[in-house]
Amino acid sequence: MQASVRLQCPITYDLALIRDLIRVYARHAGLRGARRDYLVVAVNEAVTNVLEHGGSGGTVSAHTGPTGVIVEICDHAGRLRAEHLAVVDSLRSPPADTEKLGLWLIHRLCDEVSLDHPDGHSRLRLRMDLPLTAYLRPWRGGDPSSAAS
């Protein structure tokens, strides 16, 4: 069994570094092509929101779950609320209000977006599903019941 590697870094104005870290992490986890790029763009948008609206710093962390890559953007100010996500989730086309555009884009690019508030912080969790080939072992023939072991 492969050990899970976690990525954690502070949110800074060096967005290029954060994008590079997420890109490399996602590639090693098994995300390729456009799906990897979508995750990088979504994380960039979330981190930009923290820098513009949070003001008190935060962290970006990533880990690989059983079937996907999960990136958590934690804003220490805790200003992001479920209502913000609900408004953009219901929109079918990009909002005219540019302050909502980043969250709308995040919802469209990621397979799952969730929010919670541990210790008063806002933690936005973004998940991108991995392709089946990244986590299923190929069946080599023989008795199918032995493929699960």
C-alpha atoms as a PDB file:
ATOM      1  CA  MET A   1       0.000   0.000   0.000  1.00  0.00           C
ATOM      2  CA  GLN A   2       1.329   3.429  -0.955  1.00  0.00           C
ATOM      3  CA  ALA A   3       1.682   6.043   1.788  1.00  0.00           C
ATOM      4  CA  SER A   4      -0.325   9.206   1.286  1.00  0.00           C
ATOM      5  CA  VAL A   5       1.741  12.354   0.832  1.00  0.00           C
ATOM      6  CA  ARG A   6       0.251  15.654   1.994  1.00  0.00           C
ATOM      7  CA  LEU A   7       1.072  19.081   0.668  1.00  0.00           C
ATOM      8  CA  GLN A   8       0.738  22.105   2.940  1.00  0.00           C
ATOM      9  CA  CYS A   9       1.835  25.675   2.351  1.00  0.00           C
ATOM     10  CA  PRO A  10       0.906  29.134   3.604  1.00  0.00           C
ATOM     11  CA  ILE A  11      -1.163  31.405   1.404  1.00  0.00           C
ATOM     12  CA  THR A  12       1.103  34.146   0.076  1.00  0.00           C
ATOM     13  CA  TYR A  13       1.098  36.543  -2.843  1.00  0.00           C
ATOM     14  CA  ASP A  14       3.405  34.147  -4.696  1.00  0.00           C
ATOM     15  CA  LEU A  15       0.503  32.655  -6.635  1.00  0.00           C
ATOM     16  CA  ALA A  16       2.843  31.140  -9.236  1.00  0.00           C
ATOM     17  CA  LEU A  17       4.486  29.012  -6.538  1.00  0.00           C
ATOM     18  CA  ILE A  18       1.116  27.823  -5.194  1.00  0.00           C
ATOM     19  CA  ARG A  19      -0.073  26.968  -8.723  1.00  0.00           C
ATOM     20  CA  ASP A  20       3.161  25.055  -9.400  1.00  0.00           C
ATOM     21  CA  LEU A  21       2.893  23.100  -6.138  1.00  0.00           C
ATOM     22  CA  ILE A  22      -0.711  22.103  -6.877  1.00  0.00           C
ATOM     23  CA  ARG A  23       0.110  21.228 -10.504  1.00  0.00           C
ATOM     24  CA  VAL A  24       2.988  18.932  -9.482  1.00  0.00           C
ATOM     25  CA  TYR A  25       1.013  17.372  -6.625  1.00  0.00           C
ATOM     26  CA  ALA A  26      -1.997  16.692  -8.863  1.00  0.00           C
ATOM     27  CA  ARG A  27       0.173  15.211 -11.607  1.00  0.00           C
ATOM     28  CA  HIS A  28       1.839  12.802  -9.183  1.00  0.00           C
ATOM     29  CA  ALA A  29      -1.582  11.856  -7.806  1.00  0.00           C
ATOM     30  CA  GLY A  30      -2.748  10.881 -11.298  1.00  0.00           C
ATOM     31  CA  LEU A  31      -4.583  13.944 -12.640  1.00  0.00           C
ATOM     32  CA  ARG A  32      -3.631  14.734 -16.209  1.00  0.00           C
ATOM     33  CA  GLY A  33      -4.339  17.338 -18.865  1.00  0.00           C
ATOM     34  CA  ALA A  34      -7.331  19.633 -18.584  1.00  0.00           C
ATOM     35  CA  ARG A  35      -8.561  18.157 -15.279  1.00  0.00           C
ATOM     36  CA  ARG A  36      -5.254  18.971 -13.627  1.00  0.00           C
ATOM     37  CA  ASP A  37      -5.384  22.475 -15.125  1.00  0.00           C
ATOM     38  CA  TYR A  38      -8.960  22.955 -13.875  1.00  0.00           C
ATOM     39  CA  LEU A  39      -7.848  22.156 -10.335  1.00  0.00           C
ATOM     40  CA  VAL A  40      -4.939  24.597 -10.582  1.00  0.00           C
ATOM     41  CA  VAL A  41      -7.261  27.376 -11.796  1.00  0.00           C
ATOM     42  CA  ALA A  42      -9.820  26.634  -9.062  1.00  0.00           C
ATOM     43  CA  VAL A  43      -7.166  26.732  -6.331  1.00  0.00           C
ATOM     44  CA  ASN A  44      -5.757  29.972  -7.764  1.00  0.00           C
ATOM     45  CA  GLU A  45      -9.249  31.535  -7.617  1.00  0.00           C
ATOM     46  CA  ALA A  46      -9.805  30.378  -4.034  1.00  0.00           C
ATOM     47  CA  VAL A  47      -6.407  31.639  -2.863  1.00  0.00           C
ATOM     48  CA  THR A  48      -6.974  34.971  -4.624  1.00  0.00           C
ATOM     49  CA  ASN A  49     -10.289  35.315  -2.759  1.00  0.00           C
ATOM     50  CA  VAL A  50      -8.506  34.725   0.555  1.00  0.00           C
ATOM     51  CA  LEU A  51      -5.908  37.376  -0.293  1.00  0.00           C
ATOM     52  CA  GLU A  52      -8.527  39.902  -1.426  1.00  0.00           C
ATOM     53  CA  HIS A  53     -11.236  39.312   1.186  1.00  0.00           C
ATOM     54  CA  GLY A  54      -9.649  37.415   4.078  1.00  0.00           C
ATOM     55  CA  GLY A  55      -6.805  39.619   5.122  1.00  0.00           C
ATOM     56  CA  SER A  56      -5.472  37.424   7.920  1.00  0.00           C
ATOM     57  CA  GLY A  57      -3.736  34.666   6.007  1.00  0.00           C
ATOM     58  CA  GLY A  58      -4.432  31.023   5.541  1.00  0.00           C
ATOM     59  CA  THR A  59      -3.125  27.738   4.228  1.00  0.00           C
ATOM     60  CA  VAL A  60      -3.459  25.476   1.216  1.00  0.00           C
ATOM     61  CA  SER A  61      -3.225  21.746   1.782  1.00  0.00           C
ATOM     62  CA  ALA A  62      -3.698  18.815  -0.562  1.00  0.00           C
ATOM     63  CA  HIS A  63      -4.032  15.088  -0.105  1.00  0.00           C
ATOM     64  CA  THR A  64      -5.168  12.168  -2.164  1.00  0.00           C
ATOM     65  CA  GLY A  65      -8.294  10.324  -1.089  1.00  0.00           C
ATOM     66  CA  PRO A  66      -9.355   6.891  -2.271  1.00  0.00           C
ATOM     67  CA  THR A  67     -10.690   8.215  -5.598  1.00  0.00           C
ATOM     68  CA  GLY A  68      -9.629  11.835  -5.909  1.00  0.00           C
ATOM     69  CA  VAL A  69      -7.407  14.764  -5.078  1.00  0.00           C
ATOM     70  CA  ILE A  70      -8.679  17.008  -2.291  1.00  0.00           C
ATOM     71  CA  VAL A  71      -7.371  20.545  -1.846  1.00  0.00           C
ATOM     72  CA  GLU A  72      -8.367  22.557   1.204  1.00  0.00           C
ATOM     73  CA  ILE A  73      -8.032  26.335   1.255  1.00  0.00           C
ATOM     74  CA  CYS A  74      -8.278  27.593   4.818  1.00  0.00           C
ATOM     75  CA  ASP A  75      -8.947  31.304   5.410  1.00  0.00           C
ATOM     76  CA  HIS A  76      -8.164  32.328   8.980  1.00  0.00           C
ATOM     77  CA  ALA A  77     -10.610  35.269   8.825  1.00  0.00           C
ATOM     78  CA  GLY A  78     -13.526  32.872   8.273  1.00  0.00           C
ATOM     79  CA  ARG A  79     -15.608  35.226   6.108  1.00  0.00           C
ATOM     80  CA  LEU A  80     -16.727  32.766   3.429  1.00  0.00           C
ATOM     81  CA  ARG A  81     -20.223  31.446   4.207  1.00  0.00           C
ATOM     82  CA  ALA A  82     -22.508  28.771   2.793  1.00  0.00           C
ATOM     83  CA  GLU A  83     -24.787  31.501   1.407  1.00  0.00           C
ATOM     84  CA  HIS A  84     -21.951  32.694  -0.859  1.00  0.00           C
ATOM     85  CA  LEU A  85     -21.626  29.207  -2.349  1.00  0.00           C
ATOM     86  CA  ALA A  86     -25.394  28.693  -2.658  1.00  0.00           C
ATOM     87  CA  VAL A  87     -25.809  31.870  -4.717  1.00  0.00           C
ATOM     88  CA  VAL A  88     -23.165  30.937  -7.295  1.00  0.00           C
ATOM     89  CA  ASP A  89     -24.140  27.260  -7.392  1.00  0.00           C
ATOM     90  CA  SER A  90     -27.621  28.161  -8.610  1.00  0.00           C
ATOM     91  CA  LEU A  91     -26.379  30.350 -11.491  1.00  0.00           C
ATOM     92  CA  ARG A  92     -26.350  28.736 -14.936  1.00  0.00           C
ATOM     93  CA  SER A  93     -24.190  31.386 -16.591  1.00  0.00           C
ATOM     94  CA  PRO A  94     -21.327  33.541 -15.311  1.00  0.00           C
ATOM     95  CA  PRO A  95     -22.499  36.235 -12.884  1.00  0.00           C
ATOM     96  CA  ALA A  96     -22.380  39.892 -13.882  1.00  0.00           C
ATOM     97  CA  ASP A  97     -20.992  40.651 -10.415  1.00  0.00           C
ATOM     98  CA  THR A  98     -17.257  40.018 -10.824  1.00  0.00           C
ATOM     99  CA  GLU A  99     -16.868  39.386  -7.068  1.00  0.00           C
ATOM    100  CA  LYS A 100     -18.911  36.196  -7.503  1.00  0.00           C
ATOM    101  CA  LEU A 101     -17.134  35.037 -10.661  1.00  0.00           C
ATOM    102  CA  GLY A 102     -14.292  33.203  -8.873  1.00  0.00           C
ATOM    103  CA  LEU A 103     -16.642  31.089  -6.739  1.00  0.00           C
ATOM    104  CA  TRP A 104     -18.853  30.401  -9.772  1.00  0.00           C
ATOM    105  CA  LEU A 105     -15.807  29.217 -11.725  1.00  0.00           C
ATOM    106  CA  ILE A 106     -14.630  27.005  -8.844  1.00  0.00           C
ATOM    107  CA  HIS A 107     -18.048  25.303  -8.797  1.00  0.00           C
ATOM    108  CA  ARG A 108     -17.890  24.651 -12.538  1.00  0.00           C
ATOM    109  CA  LEU A 109     -14.334  23.294 -12.580  1.00  0.00           C
ATOM    110  CA  CYS A 110     -14.337  20.937  -9.580  1.00  0.00           C
ATOM    111  CA  ASP A 111     -16.232  17.692  -9.084  1.00  0.00           C
ATOM    112  CA  GLU A 112     -17.200  18.691  -5.541  1.00  0.00           C
ATOM    113  CA  VAL A 113     -16.970  21.882  -3.501  1.00  0.00           C
ATOM    114  CA  SER A 114     -17.782  22.048   0.194  1.00  0.00           C
ATOM    115  CA  LEU A 115     -17.305  24.487   3.050  1.00  0.00           C
ATOM    116  CA  ASP A 116     -16.978  24.164   6.790  1.00  0.00           C
ATOM    117  CA  HIS A 117     -15.733  26.366   9.630  1.00  0.00           C
ATOM    118  CA  PRO A 118     -13.289  24.596  11.966  1.00  0.00           C
ATOM    119  CA  ASP A 119     -12.135  26.834  14.820  1.00  0.00           C
ATOM    120  CA  GLY A 120     -13.829  29.866  13.217  1.00  0.00           C
ATOM    121  CA  HIS A 121     -11.859  29.592   9.973  1.00  0.00           C
ATOM    122  CA  SER A 122     -13.403  29.103   6.526  1.00  0.00           C
ATOM    123  CA  ARG A 123     -12.218  25.874   4.928  1.00  0.00           C
ATOM    124  CA  LEU A 124     -13.122  25.453   1.272  1.00  0.00           C
ATOM    125  CA  ARG A 125     -12.646  21.859   0.135  1.00  0.00           C
ATOM    126  CA  LEU A 126     -12.209  21.174  -3.591  1.00  0.00           C
ATOM    127  CA  ARG A 127     -12.256  17.616  -4.963  1.00  0.00           C
ATOM    128  CA  MET A 128     -11.268  16.368  -8.389  1.00  0.00           C
ATOM    129  CA  ASP A 129     -11.960  12.745  -9.229  1.00  0.00           C
ATOM    130  CA  LEU A 130      -9.056  10.660 -10.441  1.00  0.00           C
ATOM    131  CA  PRO A 131      -9.443   8.529 -13.552  1.00  0.00           C
ATOM    132  CA  LEU A 132     -10.214   4.906 -12.697  1.00  0.00           C
ATOM    133  CA  THR A 133      -6.805   3.833 -13.952  1.00  0.00           C
ATOM    134  CA  ALA A 134      -5.142   5.891 -11.230  1.00  0.00           C
ATOM    135  CA  TYR A 135      -6.537   3.835  -8.365  1.00  0.00           C
ATOM    136  CA  LEU A 136      -7.841   0.501  -9.685  1.00  0.00           C
ATOM    137  CA  ARG A 137      -5.429  -2.367 -10.114  1.00  0.00           C
ATOM    138  CA  PRO A 138      -5.831  -4.080 -13.459  1.00  0.00           C
ATOM    139  CA  TRP A 139      -7.351  -7.537 -13.389  1.00  0.00           C
ATOM    140  CA  ARG A 140      -4.872 -10.071 -14.743  1.00  0.00           C
ATOM    141  CA  GLY A 141      -7.351 -12.834 -15.521  1.00  0.00           C
ATOM    142  CA  GLY A 142      -8.094 -15.996 -13.617  1.00  0.00           C
ATOM    143  CA  ASP A 143     -10.646 -16.268 -10.835  1.00  0.00           C
ATOM    144  CA  PRO A 144     -12.450 -12.880 -10.548  1.00  0.00           C
ATOM    145  CA  SER A 145     -12.893 -13.377  -6.786  1.00  0.00           C
ATOM    146  CA  SER A 146      -9.095 -13.284  -6.404  1.00  0.00           C
ATOM    147  CA  ALA A 147      -8.891  -9.836  -8.096  1.00  0.00           C
ATOM    148  CA  ALA A 148     -10.121  -8.118  -4.916  1.00  0.00           C
ATOM    149  CA  SER A 149      -7.362  -9.541  -2.744  1.00  0.00           C
END
